[in-house]
Amino acid sequence: MERRPAAGGLIPLLTRRRVAKPPQAQKEITFWPFGGMILMAAAFFLYGASALVAPWWAVALLMFVWLLMFVKACSWWTRAPRRIAVLGLVAIALWFVTLLGGASLLDWGA
């Protein structure tokens, strides 16, 4: 008895040709999201260093707000990269306003 290859065995695999797809146009890589994340990292260190001046509950609240902004920045990475840089600047401005307001109104100090 002679064995024959099953239908769809080796022979179709050897004779089938793959057609390469033409390369798709890629979007230009910009510095905006990277610059925004650098600003977010700088804001993180500012928020962490606030423990020297602000009470623990204010630092915890600032860190929570920073975490929310960081999650939003990650979701904007490809959809709206320029917004990440704006959000980083807003994070630094929020830190400045919070500590300035806390120092003048709530007597926060070192």
PDB file of N, CA and C in Angstrom:
ATOM      1  N   MET A   1       0.820  -1.170   0.000  1.00  0.00           N
ATOM      2  CA  MET A   1       0.000   0.000   0.000  1.00  0.00           C
ATOM      3  C   MET A   1       0.875   1.249   0.000  1.00  0.00           C
ATOM      4  N   GLU A   2       0.572   2.133  -0.860  1.00  0.00           N
ATOM      5  CA  GLU A   2       1.365   3.339  -1.034  1.00  0.00           C
ATOM      6  C   GLU A   2       0.758   4.495  -0.238  1.00  0.00           C
ATOM      7  N   ARG A   3       1.610   5.282   0.465  1.00  0.00           N
ATOM      8  CA  ARG A   3       1.112   6.410   1.260  1.00  0.00           C
ATOM      9  C   ARG A   3       1.136   7.673   0.420  1.00  0.00           C
ATOM     10  N   ARG A   4       0.070   8.389   0.471  1.00  0.00           N
ATOM     11  CA  ARG A   4      -0.009   9.663  -0.217  1.00  0.00           C
ATOM     12  C   ARG A   4      -0.086  10.769   0.831  1.00  0.00           C
ATOM     13  N   PRO A   5       0.500  11.925   0.546  1.00  0.00           N
ATOM     14  CA  PRO A   5       0.363  13.021   1.500  1.00  0.00           C
ATOM     15  C   PRO A   5      -1.089  13.468   1.603  1.00  0.00           C
ATOM     16  N   ALA A   6      -1.479  13.811   2.783  1.00  0.00           N
ATOM     17  CA  ALA A   6      -2.853  14.266   3.010  1.00  0.00           C
ATOM     18  C   ALA A   6      -3.078  15.594   2.303  1.00  0.00           C
ATOM     19  N   ALA A   7      -4.335  15.859   2.041  1.00  0.00           N
ATOM     20  CA  ALA A   7      -4.672  17.119   1.379  1.00  0.00           C
ATOM     21  C   ALA A   7      -4.234  18.284   2.271  1.00  0.00           C
ATOM     22  N   GLY A   8      -3.517  19.212   1.713  1.00  0.00           N
ATOM     23  CA  GLY A   8      -3.001  20.329   2.496  1.00  0.00           C
ATOM     24  C   GLY A   8      -1.717  19.954   3.217  1.00  0.00           C
ATOM     25  N   GLY A   9      -1.033  18.907   2.772  1.00  0.00           N
ATOM     26  CA  GLY A   9       0.193  18.471   3.427  1.00  0.00           C
ATOM     27  C   GLY A   9       1.372  19.324   3.007  1.00  0.00           C
ATOM     28  N   LEU A  10       2.516  18.705   2.717  1.00  0.00           N
ATOM     29  CA  LEU A  10       3.744  19.423   2.407  1.00  0.00           C
ATOM     30  C   LEU A  10       3.735  20.103   1.048  1.00  0.00           C
ATOM     31  N   ILE A  11       3.106  19.516   0.086  1.00  0.00           N
ATOM     32  CA  ILE A  11       3.191  20.041  -1.271  1.00  0.00           C
ATOM     33  C   ILE A  11       2.596  21.450  -1.388  1.00  0.00           C
ATOM     34  N   PRO A  12       1.409  21.746  -0.836  1.00  0.00           N
ATOM     35  CA  PRO A  12       0.922  23.130  -0.944  1.00  0.00           C
ATOM     36  C   PRO A  12       1.800  24.128  -0.193  1.00  0.00           C
ATOM     37  N   LEU A  13       2.447  23.712   0.891  1.00  0.00           N
ATOM     38  CA  LEU A  13       3.309  24.627   1.619  1.00  0.00           C
ATOM     39  C   LEU A  13       4.545  25.000   0.815  1.00  0.00           C
ATOM     40  N   LEU A  14       5.023  24.068   0.022  1.00  0.00           N
ATOM     41  CA  LEU A  14       6.211  24.339  -0.768  1.00  0.00           C
ATOM     42  C   LEU A  14       5.910  25.146  -2.027  1.00  0.00           C
ATOM     43  N   THR A  15       4.705  25.079  -2.500  1.00  0.00           N
ATOM     44  CA  THR A  15       4.378  25.774  -3.741  1.00  0.00           C
ATOM     45  C   THR A  15       3.684  27.108  -3.504  1.00  0.00           C
ATOM     46  N   ARG A  16       3.221  27.351  -2.322  1.00  0.00           N
ATOM     47  CA  ARG A  16       2.496  28.591  -2.051  1.00  0.00           C
ATOM     48  C   ARG A  16       3.472  29.750  -1.904  1.00  0.00           C
ATOM     49  N   ARG A  17       3.174  30.851  -2.519  1.00  0.00           N
ATOM     50  CA  ARG A  17       4.025  32.019  -2.431  1.00  0.00           C
ATOM     51  C   ARG A  17       3.345  33.069  -1.567  1.00  0.00           C
ATOM     52  N   ARG A  18       4.141  33.765  -0.802  1.00  0.00           N
ATOM     53  CA  ARG A  18       3.613  34.841   0.027  1.00  0.00           C
ATOM     54  C   ARG A  18       3.823  36.165  -0.698  1.00  0.00           C
ATOM     55  N   VAL A  19       2.836  36.983  -0.613  1.00  0.00           N
ATOM     56  CA  VAL A  19       2.911  38.288  -1.254  1.00  0.00           C
ATOM     57  C   VAL A  19       3.213  39.315  -0.176  1.00  0.00           C
ATOM     58  N   ALA A  20       4.272  40.062  -0.378  1.00  0.00           N
ATOM     59  CA  ALA A  20       4.652  41.083   0.592  1.00  0.00           C
ATOM     60  C   ALA A  20       3.736  42.296   0.454  1.00  0.00           C
ATOM     61  N   LYS A  21       3.315  42.812   1.591  1.00  0.00           N
ATOM     62  CA  LYS A  21       2.478  44.008   1.572  1.00  0.00           C
ATOM     63  C   LYS A  21       3.379  45.224   1.437  1.00  0.00           C
ATOM     64  N   PRO A  22       2.916  46.230   0.739  1.00  0.00           N
ATOM     65  CA  PRO A  22       3.737  47.441   0.630  1.00  0.00           C
ATOM     66  C   PRO A  22       3.839  48.114   1.996  1.00  0.00           C
ATOM     67  N   PRO A  23       4.985  48.707   2.300  1.00  0.00           N
ATOM     68  CA  PRO A  23       5.129  49.359   3.611  1.00  0.00           C
ATOM     69  C   PRO A  23       4.167  50.537   3.732  1.00  0.00           C
ATOM     70  N   GLN A  24       3.578  50.652   4.920  1.00  0.00           N
ATOM     71  CA  GLN A  24       2.652  51.745   5.166  1.00  0.00           C
ATOM     72  C   GLN A  24       3.428  52.976   5.628  1.00  0.00           C
ATOM     73  N   ALA A  25       2.885  54.097   5.335  1.00  0.00           N
ATOM     74  CA  ALA A  25       3.526  55.344   5.748  1.00  0.00           C
ATOM     75  C   ALA A  25       3.434  55.456   7.274  1.00  0.00           C
ATOM     76  N   GLN A  26       4.568  55.684   7.914  1.00  0.00           N
ATOM     77  CA  GLN A  26       4.590  55.817   9.354  1.00  0.00           C
ATOM     78  C   GLN A  26       4.491  57.280   9.728  1.00  0.00           C
ATOM     79  N   LYS A  27       3.890  57.511  10.909  1.00  0.00           N
ATOM     80  CA  LYS A  27       3.801  58.876  11.391  1.00  0.00           C
ATOM     81  C   LYS A  27       5.181  59.354  11.814  1.00  0.00           C
ATOM     82  N   GLU A  28       5.372  60.644  11.693  1.00  0.00           N
ATOM     83  CA  GLU A  28       6.641  61.230  12.104  1.00  0.00           C
ATOM     84  C   GLU A  28       6.740  61.200  13.628  1.00  0.00           C
ATOM     85  N   ILE A  29       7.888  60.819  14.136  1.00  0.00           N
ATOM     86  CA  ILE A  29       8.097  60.777  15.576  1.00  0.00           C
ATOM     87  C   ILE A  29       8.507  62.171  16.029  1.00  0.00           C
ATOM     88  N   THR A  30       7.751  62.709  16.979  1.00  0.00           N
ATOM     89  CA  THR A  30       8.036  64.050  17.476  1.00  0.00           C
ATOM     90  C   THR A  30       8.557  63.976  18.909  1.00  0.00           C
ATOM     91  N   PHE A  31       9.092  65.086  19.358  1.00  0.00           N
ATOM     92  CA  PHE A  31       9.635  65.161  20.707  1.00  0.00           C
ATOM     93  C   PHE A  31       8.565  65.465  21.747  1.00  0.00           C
ATOM     94  N   TRP A  32       7.377  65.885  21.342  1.00  0.00           N
ATOM     95  CA  TRP A  32       6.341  66.339  22.268  1.00  0.00           C
ATOM     96  C   TRP A  32       6.034  65.342  23.379  1.00  0.00           C
ATOM     97  N   PRO A  33       5.735  64.077  23.082  1.00  0.00           N
ATOM     98  CA  PRO A  33       5.410  63.180  24.196  1.00  0.00           C
ATOM     99  C   PRO A  33       6.593  62.918  25.117  1.00  0.00           C
ATOM    100  N   PHE A  34       7.790  62.856  24.555  1.00  0.00           N
ATOM    101  CA  PHE A  34       8.979  62.627  25.383  1.00  0.00           C
ATOM    102  C   PHE A  34       9.260  63.838  26.275  1.00  0.00           C
ATOM    103  N   GLY A  35       9.146  65.029  25.710  1.00  0.00           N
ATOM    104  CA  GLY A  35       9.327  66.239  26.499  1.00  0.00           C
ATOM    105  C   GLY A  35       8.275  66.363  27.589  1.00  0.00           C
ATOM    106  N   GLY A  36       7.041  65.978  27.265  1.00  0.00           N
ATOM    107  CA  GLY A  36       5.983  66.009  28.266  1.00  0.00           C
ATOM    108  C   GLY A  36       6.239  65.039  29.408  1.00  0.00           C
ATOM    109  N   MET A  37       6.746  63.857  29.080  1.00  0.00           N
ATOM    110  CA  MET A  37       7.051  62.886  30.144  1.00  0.00           C
ATOM    111  C   MET A  37       8.256  63.339  30.976  1.00  0.00           C
ATOM    112  N   ILE A  38       9.185  64.052  30.366  1.00  0.00           N
ATOM    113  CA  ILE A  38      10.295  64.616  31.142  1.00  0.00           C
ATOM    114  C   ILE A  38       9.748  65.642  32.133  1.00  0.00           C
ATOM    115  N   LEU A  39       8.804  66.453  31.684  1.00  0.00           N
ATOM    116  CA  LEU A  39       8.176  67.420  32.589  1.00  0.00           C
ATOM    117  C   LEU A  39       7.374  66.718  33.684  1.00  0.00           C
ATOM    118  N   MET A  40       6.719  65.609  33.340  1.00  0.00           N
ATOM    119  CA  MET A  40       5.972  64.851  34.355  1.00  0.00           C
ATOM    120  C   MET A  40       6.928  64.247  35.383  1.00  0.00           C
ATOM    121  N   ALA A  41       8.087  63.783  34.946  1.00  0.00           N
ATOM    122  CA  ALA A  41       9.074  63.250  35.884  1.00  0.00           C
ATOM    123  C   ALA A  41       9.611  64.351  36.791  1.00  0.00           C
ATOM    124  N   ALA A  42       9.838  65.521  36.223  1.00  0.00           N
ATOM    125  CA  ALA A  42      10.300  66.651  37.041  1.00  0.00           C
ATOM    126  C   ALA A  42       9.237  67.027  38.073  1.00  0.00           C
ATOM    127  N   ALA A  43       7.978  67.002  37.655  1.00  0.00           N
ATOM    128  CA  ALA A  43       6.888  67.310  38.580  1.00  0.00           C
ATOM    129  C   ALA A  43       6.808  66.261  39.686  1.00  0.00           C
ATOM    130  N   PHE A  44       7.079  65.006  39.347  1.00  0.00           N
ATOM    131  CA  PHE A  44       7.060  63.946  40.367  1.00  0.00           C
ATOM    132  C   PHE A  44       8.087  64.227  41.463  1.00  0.00           C
ATOM    133  N   PHE A  45       9.273  64.642  41.068  1.00  0.00           N
ATOM    134  CA  PHE A  45      10.300  64.939  42.072  1.00  0.00           C
ATOM    135  C   PHE A  45       9.932  66.174  42.889  1.00  0.00           C
ATOM    136  N   LEU A  46       9.327  67.164  42.264  1.00  0.00           N
ATOM    137  CA  LEU A  46       8.861  68.330  43.010  1.00  0.00           C
ATOM    138  C   LEU A  46       7.781  67.932  44.014  1.00  0.00           C
ATOM    139  N   TYR A  47       6.856  67.093  43.581  1.00  0.00           N
ATOM    140  CA  TYR A  47       5.783  66.658  44.475  1.00  0.00           C
ATOM    141  C   TYR A  47       6.350  65.842  45.637  1.00  0.00           C
ATOM    142  N   GLY A  48       7.336  65.009  45.361  1.00  0.00           N
ATOM    143  CA  GLY A  48       7.952  64.215  46.428  1.00  0.00           C
ATOM    144  C   GLY A  48       8.737  65.069  47.399  1.00  0.00           C
ATOM    145  N   ALA A  49       9.403  66.083  46.902  1.00  0.00           N
ATOM    146  CA  ALA A  49      10.191  66.960  47.763  1.00  0.00           C
ATOM    147  C   ALA A  49       9.306  67.882  48.594  1.00  0.00           C
ATOM    148  N   SER A  50       8.034  67.939  48.280  1.00  0.00           N
ATOM    149  CA  SER A  50       7.114  68.768  49.056  1.00  0.00           C
ATOM    150  C   SER A  50       6.963  68.275  50.485  1.00  0.00           C
ATOM    151  N   ALA A  51       7.384  67.058  50.760  1.00  0.00           N
ATOM    152  CA  ALA A  51       7.288  66.512  52.115  1.00  0.00           C
ATOM    153  C   ALA A  51       8.136  67.319  53.096  1.00  0.00           C
ATOM    154  N   LEU A  52       9.090  68.073  52.600  1.00  0.00           N
ATOM    155  CA  LEU A  52       9.911  68.903  53.475  1.00  0.00           C
ATOM    156  C   LEU A  52       9.161  70.131  53.977  1.00  0.00           C
ATOM    157  N   VAL A  53       8.120  70.543  53.247  1.00  0.00           N
ATOM    158  CA  VAL A  53       7.426  71.781  53.567  1.00  0.00           C
ATOM    159  C   VAL A  53       5.959  71.534  53.939  1.00  0.00           C
ATOM    160  N   ALA A  54       5.302  70.677  53.182  1.00  0.00           N
ATOM    161  CA  ALA A  54       3.864  70.471  53.339  1.00  0.00           C
ATOM    162  C   ALA A  54       3.581  69.321  54.306  1.00  0.00           C
ATOM    163  N   PRO A  55       2.388  69.295  54.891  1.00  0.00           N
ATOM    164  CA  PRO A  55       2.018  68.168  55.749  1.00  0.00           C
ATOM    165  C   PRO A  55       1.816  66.893  54.924  1.00  0.00           C
ATOM    166  N   TRP A  56       1.801  65.774  55.619  1.00  0.00           N
ATOM    167  CA  TRP A  56       1.743  64.477  54.930  1.00  0.00           C
ATOM    168  C   TRP A  56       0.489  64.335  54.083  1.00  0.00           C
ATOM    169  N   TRP A  57      -0.640  64.848  54.549  1.00  0.00           N
ATOM    170  CA  TRP A  57      -1.883  64.679  53.806  1.00  0.00           C
ATOM    171  C   TRP A  57      -1.873  65.493  52.512  1.00  0.00           C
ATOM    172  N   ALA A  58      -1.210  66.629  52.529  1.00  0.00           N
ATOM    173  CA  ALA A  58      -1.107  67.432  51.305  1.00  0.00           C
ATOM    174  C   ALA A  58      -0.189  66.757  50.288  1.00  0.00           C
ATOM    175  N   VAL A  59       0.887  66.156  50.785  1.00  0.00           N
ATOM    176  CA  VAL A  59       1.801  65.446  49.883  1.00  0.00           C
ATOM    177  C   VAL A  59       1.101  64.222  49.287  1.00  0.00           C
ATOM    178  N   ALA A  60       0.341  63.513  50.115  1.00  0.00           N
ATOM    179  CA  ALA A  60      -0.397  62.345  49.608  1.00  0.00           C
ATOM    180  C   ALA A  60      -1.416  62.764  48.555  1.00  0.00           C
ATOM    181  N   LEU A  61      -2.084  63.878  48.785  1.00  0.00           N
ATOM    182  CA  LEU A  61      -3.048  64.373  47.807  1.00  0.00           C
ATOM    183  C   LEU A  61      -2.359  64.814  46.518  1.00  0.00           C
ATOM    184  N   LEU A  62      -1.234  65.498  46.650  1.00  0.00           N
ATOM    185  CA  LEU A  62      -0.476  65.903  45.464  1.00  0.00           C
ATOM    186  C   LEU A  62       0.000  64.686  44.668  1.00  0.00           C
ATOM    187  N   MET A  63       0.483  63.668  45.358  1.00  0.00           N
ATOM    188  CA  MET A  63       0.949  62.461  44.655  1.00  0.00           C
ATOM    189  C   MET A  63      -0.204  61.743  43.955  1.00  0.00           C
ATOM    190  N   PHE A  64      -1.375  61.741  44.580  1.00  0.00           N
ATOM    191  CA  PHE A  64      -2.547  61.118  43.944  1.00  0.00           C
ATOM    192  C   PHE A  64      -2.940  61.890  42.687  1.00  0.00           C
ATOM    193  N   VAL A  65      -2.948  63.214  42.779  1.00  0.00           N
ATOM    194  CA  VAL A  65      -3.270  64.035  41.605  1.00  0.00           C
ATOM    195  C   VAL A  65      -2.225  63.826  40.514  1.00  0.00           C
ATOM    196  N   TRP A  66      -0.940  63.728  40.904  1.00  0.00           N
ATOM    197  CA  TRP A  66       0.101  63.479  39.911  1.00  0.00           C
ATOM    198  C   TRP A  66      -0.115  62.139  39.228  1.00  0.00           C
ATOM    199  N   LEU A  67      -0.518  61.120  40.000  1.00  0.00           N
ATOM    200  CA  LEU A  67      -0.767  59.798  39.422  1.00  0.00           C
ATOM    201  C   LEU A  67      -1.900  59.850  38.405  1.00  0.00           C
ATOM    202  N   LEU A  68      -2.956  60.578  38.716  1.00  0.00           N
ATOM    203  CA  LEU A  68      -4.055  60.733  37.759  1.00  0.00           C
ATOM    204  C   LEU A  68      -3.580  61.435  36.481  1.00  0.00           C
ATOM    205  N   MET A  69      -2.765  62.469  36.650  1.00  0.00           N
ATOM    206  CA  MET A  69      -2.244  63.175  35.472  1.00  0.00           C
ATOM    207  C   MET A  69      -1.308  62.288  34.658  1.00  0.00           C
ATOM    208  N   PHE A  70      -0.525  61.445  35.332  1.00  0.00           N
ATOM    209  CA  PHE A  70       0.383  60.548  34.622  1.00  0.00           C
ATOM    210  C   PHE A  70      -0.388  59.508  33.817  1.00  0.00           C
ATOM    211  N   VAL A  71      -1.452  58.970  34.387  1.00  0.00           N
ATOM    212  CA  VAL A  71      -2.282  58.009  33.652  1.00  0.00           C
ATOM    213  C   VAL A  71      -2.901  58.680  32.431  1.00  0.00           C
ATOM    214  N   LYS A  72      -3.364  59.893  32.602  1.00  0.00           N
ATOM    215  CA  LYS A  72      -3.933  60.628  31.464  1.00  0.00           C
ATOM    216  C   LYS A  72      -2.865  60.899  30.405  1.00  0.00           C
ATOM    217  N   ALA A  73      -1.657  61.241  30.828  1.00  0.00           N
ATOM    218  CA  ALA A  73      -0.568  61.479  29.876  1.00  0.00           C
ATOM    219  C   ALA A  73      -0.238  60.209  29.092  1.00  0.00           C
ATOM    220  N   CYS A  74      -0.258  59.074  29.757  1.00  0.00           N
ATOM    221  CA  CYS A  74       0.004  57.808  29.055  1.00  0.00           C
ATOM    222  C   CYS A  74      -1.091  57.506  28.040  1.00  0.00           C
ATOM    223  N   SER A  75      -2.324  57.859  28.361  1.00  0.00           N
ATOM    224  CA  SER A  75      -3.406  57.605  27.404  1.00  0.00           C
ATOM    225  C   SER A  75      -3.352  58.554  26.212  1.00  0.00           C
ATOM    226  N   TRP A  76      -2.716  59.709  26.381  1.00  0.00           N
ATOM    227  CA  TRP A  76      -2.587  60.675  25.285  1.00  0.00           C
ATOM    228  C   TRP A  76      -1.340  60.454  24.442  1.00  0.00           C
ATOM    229  N   TRP A  77      -0.538  59.442  24.711  1.00  0.00           N
ATOM    230  CA  TRP A  77       0.770  59.285  24.057  1.00  0.00           C
ATOM    231  C   TRP A  77       0.661  59.326  22.537  1.00  0.00           C
ATOM    232  N   THR A  78      -0.246  58.576  21.956  1.00  0.00           N
ATOM    233  CA  THR A  78      -0.350  58.558  20.495  1.00  0.00           C
ATOM    234  C   THR A  78      -1.480  59.434  19.977  1.00  0.00           C
ATOM    235  N   ARG A  79      -2.531  59.620  20.759  1.00  0.00           N
ATOM    236  CA  ARG A  79      -3.668  60.398  20.277  1.00  0.00           C
ATOM    237  C   ARG A  79      -3.393  61.894  20.268  1.00  0.00           C
ATOM    238  N   ALA A  80      -2.781  62.401  21.317  1.00  0.00           N
ATOM    239  CA  ALA A  80      -2.552  63.846  21.434  1.00  0.00           C
ATOM    240  C   ALA A  80      -1.213  64.102  22.111  1.00  0.00           C
ATOM    241  N   PRO A  81      -0.103  63.923  21.398  1.00  0.00           N
ATOM    242  CA  PRO A  81       1.207  64.035  22.045  1.00  0.00           C
ATOM    243  C   PRO A  81       1.540  65.437  22.555  1.00  0.00           C
ATOM    244  N   ARG A  82       1.013  66.476  21.934  1.00  0.00           N
ATOM    245  CA  ARG A  82       1.321  67.837  22.401  1.00  0.00           C
ATOM    246  C   ARG A  82       0.656  68.148  23.729  1.00  0.00           C
ATOM    247  N   ARG A  83      -0.454  67.503  23.994  1.00  0.00           N
ATOM    248  CA  ARG A  83      -1.149  67.735  25.262  1.00  0.00           C
ATOM    249  C   ARG A  83      -0.328  67.246  26.454  1.00  0.00           C
ATOM    250  N   ILE A  84       0.540  66.279  26.248  1.00  0.00           N
ATOM    251  CA  ILE A  84       1.352  65.755  27.347  1.00  0.00           C
ATOM    252  C   ILE A  84       2.294  66.839  27.851  1.00  0.00           C
ATOM    253  N   ALA A  85       2.873  67.600  26.936  1.00  0.00           N
ATOM    254  CA  ALA A  85       3.762  68.690  27.351  1.00  0.00           C
ATOM    255  C   ALA A  85       2.987  69.756  28.116  1.00  0.00           C
ATOM    256  N   VAL A  86       1.789  70.069  27.663  1.00  0.00           N
ATOM    257  CA  VAL A  86       0.955  71.043  28.363  1.00  0.00           C
ATOM    258  C   VAL A  86       0.592  70.507  29.749  1.00  0.00           C
ATOM    259  N   LEU A  87       0.262  69.225  29.822  1.00  0.00           N
ATOM    260  CA  LEU A  87      -0.081  68.621  31.108  1.00  0.00           C
ATOM    261  C   LEU A  87       1.107  68.641  32.067  1.00  0.00           C
ATOM    262  N   GLY A  88       2.320  68.441  31.560  1.00  0.00           N
ATOM    263  CA  GLY A  88       3.508  68.534  32.398  1.00  0.00           C
ATOM    264  C   GLY A  88       3.699  69.934  32.956  1.00  0.00           C
ATOM    265  N   LEU A  89       3.459  70.939  32.133  1.00  0.00           N
ATOM    266  CA  LEU A  89       3.543  72.324  32.612  1.00  0.00           C
ATOM    267  C   LEU A  89       2.446  72.631  33.624  1.00  0.00           C
ATOM    268  N   VAL A  90       1.257  72.081  33.401  1.00  0.00           N
ATOM    269  CA  VAL A  90       0.157  72.267  34.354  1.00  0.00           C
ATOM    270  C   VAL A  90       0.501  71.601  35.683  1.00  0.00           C
ATOM    271  N   ALA A  91       1.143  70.436  35.639  1.00  0.00           N
ATOM    272  CA  ALA A  91       1.525  69.742  36.875  1.00  0.00           C
ATOM    273  C   ALA A  91       2.515  70.575  37.684  1.00  0.00           C
ATOM    274  N   ILE A  92       3.478  71.185  37.011  1.00  0.00           N
ATOM    275  CA  ILE A  92       4.462  72.019  37.720  1.00  0.00           C
ATOM    276  C   ILE A  92       3.794  73.290  38.254  1.00  0.00           C
ATOM    277  N   ALA A  93       2.905  73.895  37.460  1.00  0.00           N
ATOM    278  CA  ALA A  93       2.197  75.087  37.928  1.00  0.00           C
ATOM    279  C   ALA A  93       1.287  74.761  39.107  1.00  0.00           C
ATOM    280  N   LEU A  94       0.641  73.602  39.079  1.00  0.00           N
ATOM    281  CA  LEU A  94      -0.206  73.190  40.193  1.00  0.00           C
ATOM    282  C   LEU A  94       0.611  73.010  41.467  1.00  0.00           C
ATOM    283  N   TRP A  95       1.790  72.435  41.339  1.00  0.00           N
ATOM    284  CA  TRP A  95       2.661  72.276  42.508  1.00  0.00           C
ATOM    285  C   TRP A  95       3.036  73.637  43.084  1.00  0.00           C
ATOM    286  N   PHE A  96       3.407  74.561  42.215  1.00  0.00           N
ATOM    287  CA  PHE A  96       3.808  75.889  42.663  1.00  0.00           C
ATOM    288  C   PHE A  96       2.658  76.610  43.369  1.00  0.00           C
ATOM    289  N   VAL A  97       1.483  76.586  42.769  1.00  0.00           N
ATOM    290  CA  VAL A  97       0.318  77.259  43.350  1.00  0.00           C
ATOM    291  C   VAL A  97      -0.084  76.598  44.664  1.00  0.00           C
ATOM    292  N   THR A  98      -0.027  75.279  44.728  1.00  0.00           N
ATOM    293  CA  THR A  98      -0.411  74.566  45.954  1.00  0.00           C
ATOM    294  C   THR A  98       0.529  74.908  47.098  1.00  0.00           C
ATOM    295  N   LEU A  99       1.837  74.873  46.853  1.00  0.00           N
ATOM    296  CA  LEU A  99       2.771  75.166  47.933  1.00  0.00           C
ATOM    297  C   LEU A  99       2.763  76.634  48.313  1.00  0.00           C
ATOM    298  N   LEU A 100       2.619  77.500  47.335  1.00  0.00           N
ATOM    299  CA  LEU A 100       2.549  78.923  47.646  1.00  0.00           C
ATOM    300  C   LEU A 100       1.291  79.245  48.451  1.00  0.00           C
ATOM    301  N   GLY A 101       0.160  78.664  48.031  1.00  0.00           N
ATOM    302  CA  GLY A 101      -1.084  78.872  48.770  1.00  0.00           C
ATOM    303  C   GLY A 101      -1.043  78.262  50.159  1.00  0.00           C
ATOM    304  N   GLY A 102      -0.452  77.073  50.265  1.00  0.00           N
ATOM    305  CA  GLY A 102      -0.348  76.442  51.576  1.00  0.00           C
ATOM    306  C   GLY A 102       0.561  77.199  52.508  1.00  0.00           C
ATOM    307  N   ALA A 103       1.625  77.760  51.990  1.00  0.00           N
ATOM    308  CA  ALA A 103       2.561  78.512  52.820  1.00  0.00           C
ATOM    309  C   ALA A 103       1.954  79.832  53.285  1.00  0.00           C
ATOM    310  N   SER A 104       1.179  80.478  52.410  1.00  0.00           N
ATOM    311  CA  SER A 104       0.626  81.778  52.789  1.00  0.00           C
ATOM    312  C   SER A 104      -0.675  81.666  53.580  1.00  0.00           C
ATOM    313  N   LEU A 105      -1.511  80.703  53.252  1.00  0.00           N
ATOM    314  CA  LEU A 105      -2.813  80.591  53.914  1.00  0.00           C
ATOM    315  C   LEU A 105      -2.836  79.612  55.080  1.00  0.00           C
ATOM    316  N   LEU A 106      -2.074  78.553  54.986  1.00  0.00           N
ATOM    317  CA  LEU A 106      -2.123  77.502  56.011  1.00  0.00           C
ATOM    318  C   LEU A 106      -0.848  77.418  56.854  1.00  0.00           C
ATOM    319  N   ASP A 107       0.054  78.344  56.673  1.00  0.00           N
ATOM    320  CA  ASP A 107       1.302  78.413  57.434  1.00  0.00           C
ATOM    321  C   ASP A 107       2.155  77.148  57.325  1.00  0.00           C
ATOM    322  N   TRP A 108       2.248  76.599  56.108  1.00  0.00           N
ATOM    323  CA  TRP A 108       3.152  75.478  55.901  1.00  0.00           C
ATOM    324  C   TRP A 108       4.569  76.033  55.890  1.00  0.00           C
ATOM    325  N   GLY A 109       5.474  75.298  56.434  1.00  0.00           N
ATOM    326  CA  GLY A 109       6.869  75.735  56.415  1.00  0.00           C
ATOM    327  C   GLY A 109       7.786  74.626  56.864  1.00  0.00           C
ATOM    328  N   ALA A 110       9.063  74.831  56.651  1.00  0.00           N
ATOM    329  CA  ALA A 110      10.037  73.817  57.002  1.00  0.00           C
ATOM    330  C   ALA A 110      10.340  73.806  58.488  1.00  0.00           C
TER     331      ALA A 110
END
